[in-house]
Amino acid sequence: MLDIQEKIKKFNDEREWSSPHTIKDLLLNMNEEIGEFWNIIKWVDTEMQQN
């Protein structure tokens, strides 16, 4: 569990999402980042994803 908390803190710090953000704010921000990543990979064909 501590490992996951450290990874989340690092992720948060890299984006300068420092306190006093709530868990809701953090999850919304993470969702936005994931959405940006999805916009990149949705056009990658299946063969490239497996390599």
PDB file of N, CA and C in Angstrom:
ATOM      1  N   MET A   1       0.817  -1.193   0.000  1.00  0.00           N
ATOM      2  CA  MET A   1       0.000   0.000   0.000  1.00  0.00           C
ATOM      3  C   MET A   1       0.864   1.263   0.000  1.00  0.00           C
ATOM      4  N   LEU A   2       1.950   1.245   0.743  1.00  0.00           N
ATOM      5  CA  LEU A   2       2.832   2.417   0.778  1.00  0.00           C
ATOM      6  C   LEU A   2       3.430   2.700  -0.590  1.00  0.00           C
ATOM      7  N   ASP A   3       3.725   1.634  -1.339  1.00  0.00           N
ATOM      8  CA  ASP A   3       4.278   1.800  -2.681  1.00  0.00           C
ATOM      9  C   ASP A   3       3.297   2.555  -3.580  1.00  0.00           C
ATOM     10  N   ILE A   4       2.036   2.193  -3.508  1.00  0.00           N
ATOM     11  CA  ILE A   4       1.008   2.863  -4.313  1.00  0.00           C
ATOM     12  C   ILE A   4       0.864   4.318  -3.887  1.00  0.00           C
ATOM     13  N   GLN A   5       0.877   4.563  -2.587  1.00  0.00           N
ATOM     14  CA  GLN A   5       0.767   5.934  -2.089  1.00  0.00           C
ATOM     15  C   GLN A   5       1.944   6.781  -2.564  1.00  0.00           C
ATOM     16  N   GLU A   6       3.143   6.203  -2.573  1.00  0.00           N
ATOM     17  CA  GLU A   6       4.324   6.927  -3.042  1.00  0.00           C
ATOM     18  C   GLU A   6       4.213   7.238  -4.528  1.00  0.00           C
ATOM     19  N   LYS A   7       3.717   6.288  -5.315  1.00  0.00           N
ATOM     20  CA  LYS A   7       3.547   6.515  -6.755  1.00  0.00           C
ATOM     21  C   LYS A   7       2.517   7.609  -7.016  1.00  0.00           C
ATOM     22  N   ILE A   8       1.433   7.598  -6.271  1.00  0.00           N
ATOM     23  CA  ILE A   8       0.411   8.635  -6.420  1.00  0.00           C
ATOM     24  C   ILE A   8       0.974   9.996  -6.027  1.00  0.00           C
ATOM     25  N   LYS A   9       1.754  10.037  -4.941  1.00  0.00           N
ATOM     26  CA  LYS A   9       2.362  11.300  -4.515  1.00  0.00           C
ATOM     27  C   LYS A   9       3.320  11.820  -5.577  1.00  0.00           C
ATOM     28  N   LYS A  10       4.133  10.925  -6.157  1.00  0.00           N
ATOM     29  CA  LYS A  10       5.063  11.330  -7.211  1.00  0.00           C
ATOM     30  C   LYS A  10       4.295  11.863  -8.417  1.00  0.00           C
ATOM     31  N   PHE A  11       3.256  11.148  -8.827  1.00  0.00           N
ATOM     32  CA  PHE A  11       2.409  11.567  -9.944  1.00  0.00           C
ATOM     33  C   PHE A  11       1.834  12.952  -9.665  1.00  0.00           C
ATOM     34  N   ASN A  12       1.346  13.143  -8.455  1.00  0.00           N
ATOM     35  CA  ASN A  12       0.764  14.406  -8.023  1.00  0.00           C
ATOM     36  C   ASN A  12       1.812  15.524  -8.033  1.00  0.00           C
ATOM     37  N   ASP A  13       2.975  15.260  -7.481  1.00  0.00           N
ATOM     38  CA  ASP A  13       4.045  16.261  -7.396  1.00  0.00           C
ATOM     39  C   ASP A  13       4.553  16.670  -8.772  1.00  0.00           C
ATOM     40  N   GLU A  14       4.672  15.718  -9.699  1.00  0.00           N
ATOM     41  CA  GLU A  14       5.159  16.022 -11.048  1.00  0.00           C
ATOM     42  C   GLU A  14       4.247  17.004 -11.773  1.00  0.00           C
ATOM     43  N   ARG A  15       2.984  17.005 -11.427  1.00  0.00           N
ATOM     44  CA  ARG A  15       2.016  17.879 -12.073  1.00  0.00           C
ATOM     45  C   ARG A  15       1.702  19.116 -11.233  1.00  0.00           C
ATOM     46  N   GLU A  16       2.449  19.252 -10.147  1.00  0.00           N
ATOM     47  CA  GLU A  16       2.266  20.368  -9.218  1.00  0.00           C
ATOM     48  C   GLU A  16       0.826  20.438  -8.720  1.00  0.00           C
ATOM     49  N   TRP A  17       0.274  19.272  -8.431  1.00  0.00           N
ATOM     50  CA  TRP A  17      -1.070  19.179  -7.860  1.00  0.00           C
ATOM     51  C   TRP A  17      -0.931  19.040  -6.349  1.00  0.00           C
ATOM     52  N   SER A  18      -0.348  20.020  -5.735  1.00  0.00           N
ATOM     53  CA  SER A  18      -0.089  19.923  -4.300  1.00  0.00           C
ATOM     54  C   SER A  18      -1.362  20.168  -3.495  1.00  0.00           C
ATOM     55  N   SER A  19      -1.269  19.895  -2.225  1.00  0.00           N
ATOM     56  CA  SER A  19      -2.390  20.087  -1.301  1.00  0.00           C
ATOM     57  C   SER A  19      -2.810  21.542  -1.317  1.00  0.00           C
ATOM     58  N   PRO A  20      -3.974  21.882  -0.970  1.00  0.00           N
ATOM     59  CA  PRO A  20      -5.022  21.093  -0.336  1.00  0.00           C
ATOM     60  C   PRO A  20      -6.058  20.522  -1.309  1.00  0.00           C
ATOM     61  N   HIS A  21      -5.647  19.746  -2.269  1.00  0.00           N
ATOM     62  CA  HIS A  21      -6.597  19.095  -3.163  1.00  0.00           C
ATOM     63  C   HIS A  21      -7.265  17.930  -2.443  1.00  0.00           C
ATOM     64  N   THR A  22      -8.488  17.708  -2.794  1.00  0.00           N
ATOM     65  CA  THR A  22      -9.215  16.572  -2.233  1.00  0.00           C
ATOM     66  C   THR A  22      -8.988  15.359  -3.124  1.00  0.00           C
ATOM     67  N   ILE A  23      -9.372  14.193  -2.652  1.00  0.00           N
ATOM     68  CA  ILE A  23      -9.248  12.985  -3.458  1.00  0.00           C
ATOM     69  C   ILE A  23     -10.088  13.126  -4.724  1.00  0.00           C
ATOM     70  N   LYS A  24     -11.217  13.824  -4.617  1.00  0.00           N
ATOM     71  CA  LYS A  24     -12.063  14.072  -5.790  1.00  0.00           C
ATOM     72  C   LYS A  24     -11.283  14.854  -6.846  1.00  0.00           C
ATOM     73  N   ASP A  25     -10.595  15.916  -6.435  1.00  0.00           N
ATOM     74  CA  ASP A  25      -9.809  16.715  -7.371  1.00  0.00           C
ATOM     75  C   ASP A  25      -8.707  15.878  -8.012  1.00  0.00           C
ATOM     76  N   LEU A  26      -8.032  15.083  -7.207  1.00  0.00           N
ATOM     77  CA  LEU A  26      -6.961  14.241  -7.721  1.00  0.00           C
ATOM     78  C   LEU A  26      -7.501  13.263  -8.757  1.00  0.00           C
ATOM     79  N   LEU A  27      -8.620  12.615  -8.455  1.00  0.00           N
ATOM     80  CA  LEU A  27      -9.199  11.652  -9.391  1.00  0.00           C
ATOM     81  C   LEU A  27      -9.674  12.324 -10.673  1.00  0.00           C
ATOM     82  N   LEU A  28     -10.247  13.504 -10.570  1.00  0.00           N
ATOM     83  CA  LEU A  28     -10.669  14.230 -11.769  1.00  0.00           C
ATOM     84  C   LEU A  28      -9.463  14.607 -12.631  1.00  0.00           C
ATOM     85  N   ASN A  29      -8.384  15.054 -11.999  1.00  0.00           N
ATOM     86  CA  ASN A  29      -7.169  15.401 -12.738  1.00  0.00           C
ATOM     87  C   ASN A  29      -6.537  14.176 -13.385  1.00  0.00           C
ATOM     88  N   MET A  30      -6.526  13.052 -12.663  1.00  0.00           N
ATOM     89  CA  MET A  30      -5.980  11.823 -13.236  1.00  0.00           C
ATOM     90  C   MET A  30      -6.821  11.384 -14.429  1.00  0.00           C
ATOM     91  N   ASN A  31      -8.136  11.516 -14.319  1.00  0.00           N
ATOM     92  CA  ASN A  31      -9.024  11.143 -15.410  1.00  0.00           C
ATOM     93  C   ASN A  31      -8.741  11.990 -16.654  1.00  0.00           C
ATOM     94  N   GLU A  32      -8.462  13.259 -16.457  1.00  0.00           N
ATOM     95  CA  GLU A  32      -8.131  14.139 -17.571  1.00  0.00           C
ATOM     96  C   GLU A  32      -6.840  13.686 -18.255  1.00  0.00           C
ATOM     97  N   GLU A  33      -5.834  13.340 -17.460  1.00  0.00           N
ATOM     98  CA  GLU A  33      -4.570  12.862 -18.025  1.00  0.00           C
ATOM     99  C   GLU A  33      -4.773  11.560 -18.799  1.00  0.00           C
ATOM    100  N   ILE A  34      -5.570  10.662 -18.245  1.00  0.00           N
ATOM    101  CA  ILE A  34      -5.848   9.390 -18.912  1.00  0.00           C
ATOM    102  C   ILE A  34      -6.586   9.644 -20.219  1.00  0.00           C
ATOM    103  N   GLY A  35      -7.504  10.607 -20.226  1.00  0.00           N
ATOM    104  CA  GLY A  35      -8.225  10.960 -21.444  1.00  0.00           C
ATOM    105  C   GLY A  35      -7.288  11.465 -22.527  1.00  0.00           C
ATOM    106  N   GLU A  36      -6.302  12.255 -22.150  1.00  0.00           N
ATOM    107  CA  GLU A  36      -5.321  12.734 -23.121  1.00  0.00           C
ATOM    108  C   GLU A  36      -4.519  11.568 -23.697  1.00  0.00           C
ATOM    109  N   PHE A  37      -4.147  10.633 -22.851  1.00  0.00           N
ATOM    110  CA  PHE A  37      -3.417   9.452 -23.314  1.00  0.00           C
ATOM    111  C   PHE A  37      -4.294   8.632 -24.257  1.00  0.00           C
ATOM    112  N   TRP A  38      -5.561   8.466 -23.906  1.00  0.00           N
ATOM    113  CA  TRP A  38      -6.498   7.708 -24.742  1.00  0.00           C
ATOM    114  C   TRP A  38      -6.596   8.332 -26.134  1.00  0.00           C
ATOM    115  N   ASN A  39      -6.606   9.665 -26.228  1.00  0.00           N
ATOM    116  CA  ASN A  39      -6.679  10.321 -27.527  1.00  0.00           C
ATOM    117  C   ASN A  39      -5.481   9.987 -28.403  1.00  0.00           C
ATOM    118  N   ILE A  40      -4.370   9.652 -27.808  1.00  0.00           N
ATOM    119  CA  ILE A  40      -3.179   9.265 -28.572  1.00  0.00           C
ATOM    120  C   ILE A  40      -3.270   7.812 -29.006  1.00  0.00           C
ATOM    121  N   ILE A  41      -3.592   6.920 -28.077  1.00  0.00           N
ATOM    122  CA  ILE A  41      -3.513   5.489 -28.390  1.00  0.00           C
ATOM    123  C   ILE A  41      -4.724   4.945 -29.126  1.00  0.00           C
ATOM    124  N   LYS A  42      -5.840   5.650 -29.167  1.00  0.00           N
ATOM    125  CA  LYS A  42      -7.029   5.092 -29.815  1.00  0.00           C
ATOM    126  C   LYS A  42      -6.827   4.896 -31.306  1.00  0.00           C
ATOM    127  N   TRP A  43      -5.852   5.563 -31.890  1.00  0.00           N
ATOM    128  CA  TRP A  43      -5.601   5.424 -33.322  1.00  0.00           C
ATOM    129  C   TRP A  43      -4.499   4.421 -33.628  1.00  0.00           C
ATOM    130  N   VAL A  44      -3.897   3.848 -32.613  1.00  0.00           N
ATOM    131  CA  VAL A  44      -2.842   2.855 -32.810  1.00  0.00           C
ATOM    132  C   VAL A  44      -3.499   1.515 -33.100  1.00  0.00           C
ATOM    133  N   ASP A  45      -3.054   0.847 -34.181  1.00  0.00           N
ATOM    134  CA  ASP A  45      -3.695  -0.427 -34.512  1.00  0.00           C
ATOM    135  C   ASP A  45      -3.279  -1.527 -33.537  1.00  0.00           C
ATOM    136  N   THR A  46      -4.023  -2.612 -33.554  1.00  0.00           N
ATOM    137  CA  THR A  46      -3.850  -3.696 -32.589  1.00  0.00           C
ATOM    138  C   THR A  46      -2.460  -4.313 -32.654  1.00  0.00           C
ATOM    139  N   GLU A  47      -1.907  -4.484 -33.843  1.00  0.00           N
ATOM    140  CA  GLU A  47      -0.573  -5.090 -33.967  1.00  0.00           C
ATOM    141  C   GLU A  47       0.478  -4.243 -33.270  1.00  0.00           C
ATOM    142  N   MET A  48       0.413  -2.941 -33.406  1.00  0.00           N
ATOM    143  CA  MET A  48       1.393  -2.063 -32.764  1.00  0.00           C
ATOM    144  C   MET A  48       1.240  -2.093 -31.249  1.00  0.00           C
ATOM    145  N   GLN A  49       0.030  -2.258 -30.745  1.00  0.00           N
ATOM    146  CA  GLN A  49      -0.198  -2.290 -29.306  1.00  0.00           C
ATOM    147  C   GLN A  49       0.438  -3.512 -28.671  1.00  0.00           C
ATOM    148  N   GLN A  50       0.529  -4.611 -29.414  1.00  0.00           N
ATOM    149  CA  GLN A  50       1.069  -5.849 -28.870  1.00  0.00           C
ATOM    150  C   GLN A  50       2.590  -5.861 -28.864  1.00  0.00           C
ATOM    151  N   ASN A  51       3.224  -4.971 -29.574  1.00  0.00           N
ATOM    152  CA  ASN A  51       4.695  -4.948 -29.643  1.00  0.00           C
ATOM    153  C   ASN A  51       5.267  -4.071 -28.620  1.00  0.00           C
TER     154      ASN A  51
END
